[in-house]
Amino acid sequence: METQEEVEMKVEIVVFEGFDELDAIAPFEALQSAALVDGADIEVKLVTLDGAEEATGAHGLRVRPDNRLGEQPDVLIIPGGGWNNRAPQGAWAELQRGDLPAAIARLHRAGVTVAAVCAGGMLAAAAGLTKGRPAVTHHLALEDLRATGAKVVEARVVDDGDLVTSGGVTSGLDLALWLLERYFGAEVASAVEGRMEHERRGVVWRRSEPAQAPVEG
């Protein structure tokens, strides 16, 4: 794994009404841990699309975001929530409104790396990011993802450069640890993993290492 020296990374995690709490909070804690304890130069913020002062998750957790989306972070993390049951609030509802997918597409065109957790991958798909590209999402949404033209990969985390996706609610922690390894090296990622007493699951598929997991044709 190549490490980058003097890396600075600005991360925004976008939250919305009905977002899945673990999809957002797990990456937030892992990345903040690296910044606060290991000295990695990371700035992590919870943001909303419209600058709302509060967002309520799918299980009732209320959070007060730091800022409005749109300052062009290095990495934008998108949680899921409410997709499989087509909930009136959550990722499915945000797709129907269309504003968040449009913002994701705009930021991606500007050079932002999009990292989607669980059904957050479907918002990336709605932004037009997955067509013809390797990706993964929650197992119950894989058929929806295939319908977008994505090449579904049997992996925990799928890193296709400027698009990183992960499958399942708890995969946000594995995605965050992979981002730490990708940007700051294995030592930082392993330190956070050990401190959180978490053992990473599954495999990380990277385009440069296609033998790690099959990609559907």
N, C-alpha and C. Protein backbone atom coordinates (compact mmCIF):
# COMPACT_ATOMS: atom_id res chain seq x y z
N MET A 1 0.84 -1.19 0.00
CA MET A 1 0.00 0.00 0.00
C MET A 1 0.87 1.24 0.00
N GLU A 2 0.71 2.11 -0.97
CA GLU A 2 1.47 3.34 -1.01
C GLU A 2 0.92 4.34 -0.02
N THR A 3 1.79 4.99 0.69
CA THR A 3 1.36 6.02 1.63
C THR A 3 1.69 7.38 1.07
N GLN A 4 0.89 8.36 1.46
CA GLN A 4 1.11 9.71 1.02
C GLN A 4 1.57 10.54 2.21
N GLU A 5 2.65 11.31 2.00
CA GLU A 5 3.16 12.14 3.07
C GLU A 5 2.52 13.52 3.01
N GLU A 6 2.44 14.15 4.18
CA GLU A 6 1.89 15.50 4.27
C GLU A 6 0.49 15.57 3.65
N VAL A 7 -0.30 14.57 3.89
CA VAL A 7 -1.66 14.54 3.34
C VAL A 7 -2.59 15.36 4.22
N GLU A 8 -3.42 16.14 3.60
CA GLU A 8 -4.51 16.83 4.29
C GLU A 8 -5.80 16.34 3.67
N MET A 9 -6.79 16.00 4.49
CA MET A 9 -8.04 15.48 3.95
C MET A 9 -9.22 16.16 4.65
N LYS A 10 -10.04 16.77 3.85
CA LYS A 10 -11.26 17.39 4.34
C LYS A 10 -12.43 16.49 3.97
N VAL A 11 -13.15 16.02 4.98
CA VAL A 11 -14.25 15.07 4.78
C VAL A 11 -15.56 15.69 5.23
N GLU A 12 -16.57 15.60 4.41
CA GLU A 12 -17.92 15.99 4.80
C GLU A 12 -18.83 14.77 4.71
N ILE A 13 -19.61 14.56 5.77
CA ILE A 13 -20.59 13.47 5.82
C ILE A 13 -21.96 14.12 5.76
N VAL A 14 -22.68 13.90 4.67
CA VAL A 14 -23.96 14.57 4.51
C VAL A 14 -25.06 13.77 5.20
N VAL A 15 -25.83 14.44 6.03
CA VAL A 15 -26.95 13.80 6.72
C VAL A 15 -28.26 14.46 6.27
N PHE A 16 -29.33 13.70 6.39
CA PHE A 16 -30.64 14.16 5.94
C PHE A 16 -31.69 13.48 6.81
N GLU A 17 -32.90 13.93 6.75
CA GLU A 17 -33.96 13.31 7.54
C GLU A 17 -34.09 11.83 7.16
N GLY A 18 -34.00 10.96 8.16
CA GLY A 18 -34.13 9.53 7.93
C GLY A 18 -32.84 8.83 7.57
N PHE A 19 -31.69 9.52 7.70
CA PHE A 19 -30.41 8.85 7.41
C PHE A 19 -30.17 7.74 8.43
N ASP A 20 -29.45 6.71 8.02
CA ASP A 20 -29.09 5.66 8.96
C ASP A 20 -27.96 6.14 9.85
N GLU A 21 -28.19 6.12 11.15
CA GLU A 21 -27.24 6.70 12.09
C GLU A 21 -25.86 6.07 12.01
N LEU A 22 -25.79 4.74 11.99
CA LEU A 22 -24.49 4.07 12.00
C LEU A 22 -23.71 4.33 10.72
N ASP A 23 -24.43 4.47 9.61
CA ASP A 23 -23.77 4.77 8.33
C ASP A 23 -22.95 6.05 8.42
N ALA A 24 -23.43 7.01 9.19
CA ALA A 24 -22.76 8.31 9.30
C ALA A 24 -21.83 8.39 10.51
N ILE A 25 -22.29 7.89 11.66
CA ILE A 25 -21.54 8.09 12.90
C ILE A 25 -20.31 7.18 12.96
N ALA A 26 -20.39 5.96 12.43
CA ALA A 26 -19.22 5.08 12.46
C ALA A 26 -18.04 5.67 11.69
N PRO A 27 -18.23 6.14 10.44
CA PRO A 27 -17.10 6.79 9.76
C PRO A 27 -16.64 8.06 10.48
N PHE A 28 -17.59 8.81 11.02
CA PHE A 28 -17.23 10.04 11.74
C PHE A 28 -16.28 9.73 12.89
N GLU A 29 -16.62 8.74 13.70
CA GLU A 29 -15.79 8.43 14.87
C GLU A 29 -14.44 7.88 14.45
N ALA A 30 -14.40 7.00 13.47
CA ALA A 30 -13.13 6.43 13.05
C ALA A 30 -12.20 7.49 12.50
N LEU A 31 -12.72 8.38 11.67
CA LEU A 31 -11.89 9.42 11.08
C LEU A 31 -11.46 10.45 12.12
N GLN A 32 -12.38 10.80 13.02
CA GLN A 32 -12.03 11.74 14.08
C GLN A 32 -10.99 11.14 15.01
N SER A 33 -11.08 9.85 15.24
CA SER A 33 -10.11 9.18 16.10
C SER A 33 -8.71 9.31 15.51
N ALA A 34 -8.61 9.12 14.21
CA ALA A 34 -7.30 9.26 13.56
C ALA A 34 -6.77 10.67 13.67
N ALA A 35 -7.67 11.65 13.59
CA ALA A 35 -7.25 13.04 13.66
C ALA A 35 -6.84 13.44 15.07
N LEU A 36 -7.61 13.00 16.06
CA LEU A 36 -7.39 13.45 17.44
C LEU A 36 -6.29 12.68 18.13
N VAL A 37 -6.15 11.40 17.84
CA VAL A 37 -5.20 10.55 18.56
C VAL A 37 -3.94 10.29 17.75
N ASP A 38 -4.08 10.05 16.46
CA ASP A 38 -2.94 9.66 15.65
C ASP A 38 -2.32 10.83 14.88
N GLY A 39 -2.94 11.99 14.98
CA GLY A 39 -2.35 13.17 14.36
C GLY A 39 -2.53 13.27 12.87
N ALA A 40 -3.39 12.43 12.29
CA ALA A 40 -3.66 12.54 10.86
C ALA A 40 -4.36 13.87 10.58
N ASP A 41 -3.96 14.53 9.52
CA ASP A 41 -4.49 15.86 9.21
C ASP A 41 -5.84 15.71 8.50
N ILE A 42 -6.86 15.47 9.30
CA ILE A 42 -8.21 15.25 8.78
C ILE A 42 -9.16 16.24 9.44
N GLU A 43 -10.01 16.84 8.64
CA GLU A 43 -11.11 17.64 9.17
C GLU A 43 -12.41 16.93 8.78
N VAL A 44 -13.21 16.58 9.75
CA VAL A 44 -14.44 15.83 9.49
C VAL A 44 -15.64 16.65 9.98
N LYS A 45 -16.61 16.82 9.11
CA LYS A 45 -17.81 17.57 9.47
C LYS A 45 -19.07 16.83 9.04
N LEU A 46 -20.10 16.94 9.85
CA LEU A 46 -21.44 16.55 9.44
C LEU A 46 -22.09 17.76 8.78
N VAL A 47 -22.68 17.56 7.62
CA VAL A 47 -23.28 18.67 6.89
C VAL A 47 -24.67 18.27 6.41
N THR A 48 -25.44 19.28 6.04
CA THR A 48 -26.74 19.05 5.40
C THR A 48 -26.75 19.77 4.07
N LEU A 49 -27.65 19.36 3.21
CA LEU A 49 -27.74 19.97 1.89
C LEU A 49 -28.21 21.41 1.98
N ASP A 50 -29.18 21.67 2.85
CA ASP A 50 -29.81 22.98 2.88
C ASP A 50 -29.42 23.83 4.08
N GLY A 51 -28.46 23.38 4.87
CA GLY A 51 -28.06 24.16 6.03
C GLY A 51 -28.96 23.99 7.24
N ALA A 52 -29.80 22.95 7.23
CA ALA A 52 -30.69 22.71 8.38
C ALA A 52 -29.87 22.55 9.66
N GLU A 53 -30.37 23.09 10.76
CA GLU A 53 -29.64 23.05 12.02
C GLU A 53 -29.71 21.69 12.70
N GLU A 54 -30.64 20.84 12.27
CA GLU A 54 -30.78 19.53 12.91
C GLU A 54 -31.26 18.53 11.88
N ALA A 55 -30.82 17.28 12.04
CA ALA A 55 -31.33 16.18 11.22
C ALA A 55 -31.63 15.00 12.13
N THR A 56 -32.72 14.32 11.87
CA THR A 56 -33.14 13.18 12.69
C THR A 56 -32.95 11.90 11.90
N GLY A 57 -32.23 10.96 12.49
CA GLY A 57 -31.94 9.71 11.82
C GLY A 57 -33.12 8.75 11.81
N ALA A 58 -32.93 7.63 11.14
CA ALA A 58 -33.99 6.64 10.98
C ALA A 58 -34.45 6.05 12.30
N HIS A 59 -33.57 6.04 13.30
CA HIS A 59 -33.90 5.47 14.60
C HIS A 59 -34.12 6.53 15.67
N GLY A 60 -34.26 7.78 15.23
CA GLY A 60 -34.63 8.84 16.15
C GLY A 60 -33.49 9.68 16.70
N LEU A 61 -32.25 9.35 16.37
CA LEU A 61 -31.12 10.16 16.85
C LEU A 61 -31.12 11.51 16.15
N ARG A 62 -31.04 12.57 16.95
CA ARG A 62 -30.99 13.91 16.38
C ARG A 62 -29.57 14.45 16.45
N VAL A 63 -29.09 14.96 15.35
CA VAL A 63 -27.73 15.51 15.30
C VAL A 63 -27.80 16.96 14.83
N ARG A 64 -26.80 17.73 15.25
CA ARG A 64 -26.70 19.13 14.85
C ARG A 64 -25.49 19.25 13.93
N PRO A 65 -25.71 19.29 12.64
CA PRO A 65 -24.61 19.35 11.68
C PRO A 65 -23.78 20.62 11.84
N ASP A 66 -22.57 20.55 11.29
CA ASP A 66 -21.63 21.67 11.41
C ASP A 66 -21.83 22.74 10.35
N ASN A 67 -22.35 22.35 9.20
CA ASN A 67 -22.28 23.28 8.09
C ASN A 67 -23.22 22.84 6.98
N ARG A 68 -23.24 23.62 5.92
CA ARG A 68 -23.99 23.29 4.72
C ARG A 68 -23.08 22.60 3.72
N LEU A 69 -23.59 21.61 3.02
CA LEU A 69 -22.84 20.93 1.97
C LEU A 69 -22.51 21.91 0.85
N GLY A 70 -21.33 21.76 0.29
CA GLY A 70 -21.03 22.57 -0.88
C GLY A 70 -19.70 23.28 -0.84
N GLU A 71 -18.86 22.99 0.15
CA GLU A 71 -17.57 23.64 0.23
C GLU A 71 -16.46 22.86 -0.47
N GLN A 72 -16.84 21.91 -1.28
CA GLN A 72 -15.92 21.07 -2.04
C GLN A 72 -14.90 20.38 -1.15
N PRO A 73 -15.34 19.38 -0.38
CA PRO A 73 -14.41 18.59 0.42
C PRO A 73 -13.57 17.70 -0.48
N ASP A 74 -12.56 17.07 0.10
CA ASP A 74 -11.80 16.07 -0.64
C ASP A 74 -12.62 14.79 -0.80
N VAL A 75 -13.34 14.45 0.28
CA VAL A 75 -14.16 13.23 0.29
C VAL A 75 -15.55 13.57 0.82
N LEU A 76 -16.57 13.13 0.12
CA LEU A 76 -17.95 13.26 0.57
C LEU A 76 -18.47 11.88 0.91
N ILE A 77 -18.90 11.67 2.15
CA ILE A 77 -19.46 10.39 2.58
C ILE A 77 -20.97 10.48 2.61
N ILE A 78 -21.62 9.51 2.00
CA ILE A 78 -23.08 9.50 1.89
C ILE A 78 -23.64 8.28 2.62
N PRO A 79 -24.43 8.48 3.66
CA PRO A 79 -25.08 7.35 4.33
C PRO A 79 -26.33 6.92 3.58
N GLY A 80 -26.85 5.77 3.97
CA GLY A 80 -28.14 5.33 3.46
C GLY A 80 -29.22 5.54 4.51
N GLY A 81 -30.18 4.62 4.52
CA GLY A 81 -31.30 4.72 5.46
C GLY A 81 -32.62 4.79 4.73
N GLY A 82 -33.56 3.91 5.12
CA GLY A 82 -34.91 3.98 4.58
C GLY A 82 -35.05 3.56 3.13
N TRP A 83 -34.06 2.84 2.59
CA TRP A 83 -34.16 2.44 1.19
C TRP A 83 -35.01 1.21 1.00
N ASN A 84 -34.72 0.17 1.73
CA ASN A 84 -35.37 -1.12 1.48
C ASN A 84 -36.86 -1.12 1.76
N ASN A 85 -37.30 -0.28 2.70
CA ASN A 85 -38.74 -0.20 2.98
C ASN A 85 -39.39 1.02 2.34
N ARG A 86 -38.62 1.71 1.47
CA ARG A 86 -39.15 2.89 0.76
C ARG A 86 -39.77 3.88 1.75
N ALA A 87 -39.04 4.16 2.81
CA ALA A 87 -39.54 5.03 3.88
C ALA A 87 -39.77 6.45 3.36
N PRO A 88 -40.71 7.17 3.97
CA PRO A 88 -40.98 8.54 3.53
C PRO A 88 -39.85 9.50 3.83
N GLN A 89 -38.92 9.09 4.70
CA GLN A 89 -37.71 9.88 4.94
C GLN A 89 -36.51 8.94 4.85
N GLY A 90 -35.46 9.40 4.23
CA GLY A 90 -34.29 8.55 4.07
C GLY A 90 -33.76 8.63 2.65
N ALA A 91 -32.91 7.66 2.28
CA ALA A 91 -32.25 7.70 0.98
C ALA A 91 -33.24 7.60 -0.18
N TRP A 92 -34.26 6.74 -0.02
CA TRP A 92 -35.27 6.61 -1.08
C TRP A 92 -35.99 7.94 -1.31
N ALA A 93 -36.37 8.59 -0.22
CA ALA A 93 -37.06 9.87 -0.34
C ALA A 93 -36.15 10.94 -0.94
N GLU A 94 -34.87 10.93 -0.58
CA GLU A 94 -33.93 11.91 -1.15
C GLU A 94 -33.74 11.68 -2.64
N LEU A 95 -33.76 10.43 -3.06
CA LEU A 95 -33.66 10.15 -4.48
C LEU A 95 -34.88 10.71 -5.21
N GLN A 96 -36.06 10.52 -4.63
CA GLN A 96 -37.27 11.01 -5.27
C GLN A 96 -37.26 12.54 -5.40
N ARG A 97 -36.73 13.23 -4.38
CA ARG A 97 -36.66 14.69 -4.45
C ARG A 97 -35.63 15.15 -5.47
N GLY A 98 -34.53 14.46 -5.53
CA GLY A 98 -33.54 14.74 -6.56
C GLY A 98 -32.48 15.78 -6.23
N ASP A 99 -32.69 16.58 -5.20
CA ASP A 99 -31.74 17.66 -4.92
C ASP A 99 -30.39 17.13 -4.45
N LEU A 100 -30.40 16.13 -3.58
CA LEU A 100 -29.14 15.60 -3.08
C LEU A 100 -28.36 14.88 -4.17
N PRO A 101 -28.98 14.01 -4.97
CA PRO A 101 -28.22 13.42 -6.08
C PRO A 101 -27.61 14.46 -7.02
N ALA A 102 -28.35 15.54 -7.26
CA ALA A 102 -27.82 16.61 -8.13
C ALA A 102 -26.59 17.25 -7.50
N ALA A 103 -26.62 17.46 -6.19
CA ALA A 103 -25.47 18.05 -5.50
C ALA A 103 -24.28 17.09 -5.52
N ILE A 104 -24.56 15.79 -5.34
CA ILE A 104 -23.48 14.79 -5.38
C ILE A 104 -22.82 14.79 -6.76
N ALA A 105 -23.63 14.84 -7.80
CA ALA A 105 -23.10 14.86 -9.17
C ALA A 105 -22.24 16.10 -9.39
N ARG A 106 -22.71 17.24 -8.90
CA ARG A 106 -21.96 18.49 -9.07
C ARG A 106 -20.60 18.41 -8.39
N LEU A 107 -20.58 17.93 -7.16
CA LEU A 107 -19.32 17.85 -6.43
C LEU A 107 -18.38 16.84 -7.06
N HIS A 108 -18.93 15.72 -7.53
CA HIS A 108 -18.09 14.71 -8.20
C HIS A 108 -17.45 15.29 -9.45
N ARG A 109 -18.21 16.04 -10.22
CA ARG A 109 -17.65 16.67 -11.42
C ARG A 109 -16.53 17.65 -11.06
N ALA A 110 -16.63 18.23 -9.87
CA ALA A 110 -15.62 19.19 -9.42
C ALA A 110 -14.38 18.52 -8.86
N GLY A 111 -14.38 17.19 -8.81
CA GLY A 111 -13.20 16.47 -8.36
C GLY A 111 -13.28 15.86 -6.99
N VAL A 112 -14.45 15.88 -6.37
CA VAL A 112 -14.63 15.31 -5.03
C VAL A 112 -14.75 13.79 -5.15
N THR A 113 -14.05 13.07 -4.27
CA THR A 113 -14.22 11.62 -4.18
C THR A 113 -15.48 11.33 -3.38
N VAL A 114 -16.36 10.52 -3.93
CA VAL A 114 -17.63 10.17 -3.29
C VAL A 114 -17.50 8.79 -2.66
N ALA A 115 -17.80 8.70 -1.37
CA ALA A 115 -17.74 7.43 -0.63
C ALA A 115 -19.13 7.16 -0.06
N ALA A 116 -19.75 6.09 -0.48
CA ALA A 116 -21.13 5.80 -0.10
C ALA A 116 -21.20 4.56 0.78
N VAL A 117 -21.93 4.68 1.87
CA VAL A 117 -22.11 3.57 2.82
C VAL A 117 -23.47 2.95 2.60
N CYS A 118 -23.51 1.63 2.49
CA CYS A 118 -24.77 0.89 2.43
C CYS A 118 -25.63 1.45 1.29
N ALA A 119 -26.90 1.75 1.56
CA ALA A 119 -27.79 2.24 0.51
C ALA A 119 -27.48 3.67 0.10
N GLY A 120 -26.52 4.29 0.74
CA GLY A 120 -26.03 5.56 0.23
C GLY A 120 -25.51 5.41 -1.19
N GLY A 121 -25.11 4.17 -1.54
CA GLY A 121 -24.68 3.90 -2.90
C GLY A 121 -25.77 4.15 -3.93
N MET A 122 -27.02 4.04 -3.52
CA MET A 122 -28.10 4.29 -4.46
C MET A 122 -28.25 5.78 -4.74
N LEU A 123 -27.85 6.63 -3.79
CA LEU A 123 -27.84 8.07 -4.06
C LEU A 123 -26.69 8.41 -4.99
N ALA A 124 -25.55 7.73 -4.83
CA ALA A 124 -24.47 7.90 -5.79
C ALA A 124 -24.90 7.44 -7.18
N ALA A 125 -25.66 6.35 -7.22
CA ALA A 125 -26.17 5.85 -8.50
C ALA A 125 -27.12 6.86 -9.14
N ALA A 126 -27.98 7.44 -8.31
CA ALA A 126 -28.92 8.44 -8.83
C ALA A 126 -28.19 9.66 -9.36
N ALA A 127 -26.98 9.89 -8.85
CA ALA A 127 -26.15 11.00 -9.34
C ALA A 127 -25.44 10.64 -10.64
N GLY A 128 -25.62 9.40 -11.10
CA GLY A 128 -25.02 8.97 -12.35
C GLY A 128 -23.60 8.45 -12.22
N LEU A 129 -23.19 8.10 -10.99
CA LEU A 129 -21.80 7.74 -10.75
C LEU A 129 -21.50 6.26 -10.96
N THR A 130 -22.50 5.39 -10.97
CA THR A 130 -22.23 3.95 -10.94
C THR A 130 -22.34 3.26 -12.29
N LYS A 131 -22.85 3.92 -13.30
CA LYS A 131 -23.08 3.26 -14.58
C LYS A 131 -21.76 2.73 -15.15
N GLY A 132 -21.72 1.42 -15.38
CA GLY A 132 -20.54 0.79 -15.96
C GLY A 132 -19.36 0.68 -15.01
N ARG A 133 -19.60 0.94 -13.72
CA ARG A 133 -18.48 0.96 -12.77
C ARG A 133 -18.69 -0.07 -11.67
N PRO A 134 -17.60 -0.62 -11.11
CA PRO A 134 -17.71 -1.54 -9.98
C PRO A 134 -18.28 -0.81 -8.77
N ALA A 135 -19.21 -1.45 -8.06
CA ALA A 135 -19.82 -0.85 -6.88
C ALA A 135 -20.52 -1.93 -6.08
N VAL A 136 -20.88 -1.58 -4.85
CA VAL A 136 -21.64 -2.48 -3.99
C VAL A 136 -22.55 -1.63 -3.11
N THR A 137 -23.55 -2.28 -2.53
CA THR A 137 -24.47 -1.60 -1.63
C THR A 137 -25.05 -2.67 -0.69
N HIS A 138 -26.05 -2.30 0.09
CA HIS A 138 -26.73 -3.26 0.97
C HIS A 138 -27.24 -4.43 0.14
N HIS A 139 -27.15 -5.64 0.67
CA HIS A 139 -27.48 -6.82 -0.13
C HIS A 139 -28.92 -6.81 -0.63
N LEU A 140 -29.83 -6.17 0.11
CA LEU A 140 -31.22 -6.12 -0.33
C LEU A 140 -31.45 -5.10 -1.45
N ALA A 141 -30.45 -4.28 -1.71
CA ALA A 141 -30.57 -3.26 -2.76
C ALA A 141 -29.70 -3.57 -3.97
N LEU A 142 -29.08 -4.75 -4.00
CA LEU A 142 -28.17 -5.06 -5.10
C LEU A 142 -28.86 -5.08 -6.46
N GLU A 143 -30.11 -5.58 -6.51
CA GLU A 143 -30.82 -5.58 -7.78
C GLU A 143 -31.09 -4.16 -8.25
N ASP A 144 -31.40 -3.27 -7.32
CA ASP A 144 -31.59 -1.86 -7.67
C ASP A 144 -30.29 -1.28 -8.21
N LEU A 145 -29.18 -1.65 -7.59
CA LEU A 145 -27.89 -1.14 -8.05
C LEU A 145 -27.56 -1.66 -9.44
N ARG A 146 -27.81 -2.95 -9.68
CA ARG A 146 -27.57 -3.52 -11.01
C ARG A 146 -28.38 -2.78 -12.07
N ALA A 147 -29.59 -2.39 -11.71
CA ALA A 147 -30.47 -1.71 -12.66
C ALA A 147 -29.93 -0.36 -13.09
N THR A 148 -29.00 0.20 -12.32
CA THR A 148 -28.39 1.48 -12.69
C THR A 148 -27.23 1.29 -13.67
N GLY A 149 -26.91 0.04 -13.98
CA GLY A 149 -25.81 -0.24 -14.87
C GLY A 149 -24.50 -0.50 -14.17
N ALA A 150 -24.53 -0.55 -12.84
CA ALA A 150 -23.31 -0.82 -12.08
C ALA A 150 -22.87 -2.26 -12.27
N LYS A 151 -21.56 -2.49 -12.13
CA LYS A 151 -21.00 -3.84 -12.11
C LYS A 151 -20.82 -4.24 -10.66
N VAL A 152 -21.75 -5.00 -10.14
CA VAL A 152 -21.75 -5.35 -8.72
C VAL A 152 -20.55 -6.23 -8.39
N VAL A 153 -19.86 -5.87 -7.32
CA VAL A 153 -18.67 -6.58 -6.87
C VAL A 153 -18.97 -7.24 -5.53
N GLU A 154 -18.54 -8.49 -5.38
CA GLU A 154 -18.73 -9.21 -4.11
C GLU A 154 -17.59 -8.85 -3.17
N ALA A 155 -17.69 -7.70 -2.54
CA ALA A 155 -16.66 -7.21 -1.63
C ALA A 155 -17.30 -6.34 -0.56
N ARG A 156 -16.60 -6.20 0.54
CA ARG A 156 -17.08 -5.35 1.62
C ARG A 156 -16.98 -3.87 1.26
N VAL A 157 -15.84 -3.52 0.66
CA VAL A 157 -15.59 -2.15 0.20
C VAL A 157 -15.09 -2.23 -1.23
N VAL A 158 -15.61 -1.37 -2.08
CA VAL A 158 -15.21 -1.32 -3.48
C VAL A 158 -14.63 0.06 -3.76
N ASP A 159 -13.33 0.10 -4.05
CA ASP A 159 -12.62 1.36 -4.30
C ASP A 159 -12.33 1.46 -5.79
N ASP A 160 -13.07 2.33 -6.46
CA ASP A 160 -12.86 2.57 -7.88
C ASP A 160 -12.34 3.99 -8.10
N GLY A 161 -11.42 4.39 -7.23
CA GLY A 161 -10.80 5.70 -7.38
C GLY A 161 -11.64 6.81 -6.79
N ASP A 162 -12.34 7.55 -7.63
CA ASP A 162 -13.14 8.67 -7.14
C ASP A 162 -14.55 8.23 -6.71
N LEU A 163 -14.79 6.94 -6.70
CA LEU A 163 -16.04 6.38 -6.18
C LEU A 163 -15.71 5.18 -5.30
N VAL A 164 -16.08 5.27 -4.03
CA VAL A 164 -15.85 4.19 -3.08
C VAL A 164 -17.20 3.83 -2.48
N THR A 165 -17.56 2.55 -2.53
CA THR A 165 -18.84 2.10 -1.99
C THR A 165 -18.61 0.96 -1.02
N SER A 166 -19.59 0.74 -0.14
CA SER A 166 -19.48 -0.36 0.81
C SER A 166 -20.86 -0.95 1.05
N GLY A 167 -20.89 -2.24 1.43
CA GLY A 167 -22.15 -2.94 1.55
C GLY A 167 -22.52 -3.25 2.98
N GLY A 168 -23.72 -2.89 3.38
CA GLY A 168 -24.22 -3.21 4.71
C GLY A 168 -24.07 -2.06 5.69
N VAL A 169 -24.91 -2.06 6.72
CA VAL A 169 -24.97 -0.96 7.67
C VAL A 169 -23.64 -0.77 8.40
N THR A 170 -23.04 -1.86 8.86
CA THR A 170 -21.80 -1.73 9.64
C THR A 170 -20.57 -1.50 8.77
N SER A 171 -20.74 -1.51 7.46
CA SER A 171 -19.59 -1.37 6.56
C SER A 171 -19.01 0.03 6.58
N GLY A 172 -19.72 0.99 7.15
CA GLY A 172 -19.19 2.34 7.21
C GLY A 172 -17.89 2.41 7.99
N LEU A 173 -17.75 1.56 8.98
CA LEU A 173 -16.51 1.52 9.75
C LEU A 173 -15.38 0.96 8.89
N ASP A 174 -15.66 -0.09 8.13
CA ASP A 174 -14.64 -0.65 7.25
C ASP A 174 -14.27 0.32 6.14
N LEU A 175 -15.25 1.05 5.63
CA LEU A 175 -14.98 2.04 4.60
C LEU A 175 -14.07 3.14 5.15
N ALA A 176 -14.37 3.62 6.36
CA ALA A 176 -13.55 4.67 6.95
C ALA A 176 -12.13 4.20 7.20
N LEU A 177 -11.98 2.98 7.69
CA LEU A 177 -10.64 2.44 7.93
C LEU A 177 -9.88 2.28 6.63
N TRP A 178 -10.58 1.89 5.57
CA TRP A 178 -9.91 1.80 4.28
C TRP A 178 -9.47 3.19 3.79
N LEU A 179 -10.32 4.19 3.96
CA LEU A 179 -9.93 5.55 3.56
C LEU A 179 -8.69 6.00 4.33
N LEU A 180 -8.63 5.66 5.61
CA LEU A 180 -7.44 5.99 6.39
C LEU A 180 -6.21 5.31 5.82
N GLU A 181 -6.36 4.04 5.47
CA GLU A 181 -5.22 3.31 4.90
C GLU A 181 -4.83 3.89 3.55
N ARG A 182 -5.81 4.20 2.74
CA ARG A 182 -5.55 4.74 1.40
C ARG A 182 -4.83 6.09 1.46
N TYR A 183 -5.26 6.95 2.36
CA TYR A 183 -4.71 8.31 2.41
C TYR A 183 -3.53 8.46 3.37
N PHE A 184 -3.53 7.70 4.47
CA PHE A 184 -2.54 7.93 5.52
C PHE A 184 -1.67 6.72 5.83
N GLY A 185 -1.99 5.58 5.22
CA GLY A 185 -1.16 4.40 5.40
C GLY A 185 -1.74 3.39 6.37
N ALA A 186 -1.24 2.17 6.26
CA ALA A 186 -1.76 1.05 7.04
C ALA A 186 -1.54 1.22 8.53
N GLU A 187 -0.46 1.89 8.91
CA GLU A 187 -0.17 2.04 10.34
C GLU A 187 -1.24 2.85 11.05
N VAL A 188 -1.66 3.94 10.44
CA VAL A 188 -2.72 4.76 11.04
C VAL A 188 -4.02 3.98 11.09
N ALA A 189 -4.37 3.33 9.99
CA ALA A 189 -5.62 2.56 9.95
C ALA A 189 -5.62 1.46 10.99
N SER A 190 -4.50 0.76 11.12
CA SER A 190 -4.43 -0.33 12.10
C SER A 190 -4.51 0.19 13.53
N ALA A 191 -3.94 1.36 13.78
CA ALA A 191 -4.01 1.94 15.12
C ALA A 191 -5.45 2.25 15.50
N VAL A 192 -6.20 2.83 14.57
CA VAL A 192 -7.61 3.14 14.84
C VAL A 192 -8.42 1.86 14.99
N GLU A 193 -8.16 0.89 14.13
CA GLU A 193 -8.85 -0.40 14.20
C GLU A 193 -8.65 -1.05 15.56
N GLY A 194 -7.41 -1.05 16.05
CA GLY A 194 -7.13 -1.66 17.34
C GLY A 194 -7.76 -0.90 18.49
N ARG A 195 -7.71 0.41 18.42
CA ARG A 195 -8.27 1.22 19.50
C ARG A 195 -9.78 1.04 19.59
N MET A 196 -10.44 0.86 18.46
CA MET A 196 -11.88 0.68 18.44
C MET A 196 -12.27 -0.79 18.68
N GLU A 197 -11.26 -1.66 18.80
CA GLU A 197 -11.48 -3.09 19.00
C GLU A 197 -12.40 -3.66 17.92
N HIS A 198 -12.06 -3.31 16.70
CA HIS A 198 -12.83 -3.77 15.55
C HIS A 198 -11.91 -4.55 14.62
N GLU A 199 -12.39 -5.66 14.12
CA GLU A 199 -11.65 -6.43 13.12
C GLU A 199 -12.36 -6.27 11.78
N ARG A 200 -11.64 -5.69 10.83
CA ARG A 200 -12.25 -5.43 9.54
C ARG A 200 -12.76 -6.71 8.88
N ARG A 201 -13.91 -6.61 8.25
CA ARG A 201 -14.55 -7.75 7.62
C ARG A 201 -14.36 -7.71 6.12
N GLY A 202 -14.43 -8.90 5.51
CA GLY A 202 -14.46 -8.99 4.06
C GLY A 202 -13.19 -8.49 3.40
N VAL A 203 -13.32 -8.15 2.13
CA VAL A 203 -12.17 -7.68 1.35
C VAL A 203 -12.45 -6.30 0.79
N VAL A 204 -11.37 -5.63 0.46
CA VAL A 204 -11.45 -4.37 -0.26
C VAL A 204 -11.07 -4.65 -1.71
N TRP A 205 -11.98 -4.36 -2.62
CA TRP A 205 -11.68 -4.50 -4.04
C TRP A 205 -11.17 -3.18 -4.56
N ARG A 206 -10.05 -3.22 -5.28
CA ARG A 206 -9.51 -2.03 -5.93
C ARG A 206 -9.32 -2.35 -7.39
N ARG A 207 -9.49 -1.36 -8.25
CA ARG A 207 -9.34 -1.58 -9.68
C ARG A 207 -7.95 -2.11 -10.02
N SER A 208 -6.96 -1.69 -9.26
CA SER A 208 -5.60 -2.15 -9.52
C SER A 208 -5.36 -3.57 -9.06
N GLU A 209 -6.33 -4.14 -8.32
CA GLU A 209 -6.19 -5.50 -7.81
C GLU A 209 -7.48 -6.28 -8.08
N PRO A 210 -7.85 -6.47 -9.36
CA PRO A 210 -9.14 -7.06 -9.69
C PRO A 210 -9.31 -8.51 -9.26
N ALA A 211 -8.22 -9.18 -8.88
CA ALA A 211 -8.33 -10.59 -8.51
C ALA A 211 -8.91 -10.79 -7.13
N GLN A 212 -9.09 -9.69 -6.37
CA GLN A 212 -9.59 -9.82 -5.02
C GLN A 212 -11.04 -10.29 -4.97
N ALA A 213 -11.83 -9.96 -5.93
CA ALA A 213 -13.24 -10.35 -5.93
C ALA A 213 -13.77 -10.28 -7.35
N PRO A 214 -14.73 -11.14 -7.67
CA PRO A 214 -15.27 -11.12 -9.04
C PRO A 214 -16.15 -9.91 -9.28
N VAL A 215 -16.12 -9.43 -10.51
CA VAL A 215 -16.98 -8.34 -10.95
C VAL A 215 -17.93 -8.92 -11.97
N GLU A 216 -19.21 -8.65 -11.82
CA GLU A 216 -20.18 -9.14 -12.78
C GLU A 216 -19.95 -8.46 -14.12
N GLY A 217 -20.12 -9.21 -15.18
CA GLY A 217 -19.81 -8.70 -16.51
C GLY A 217 -20.79 -7.70 -17.04
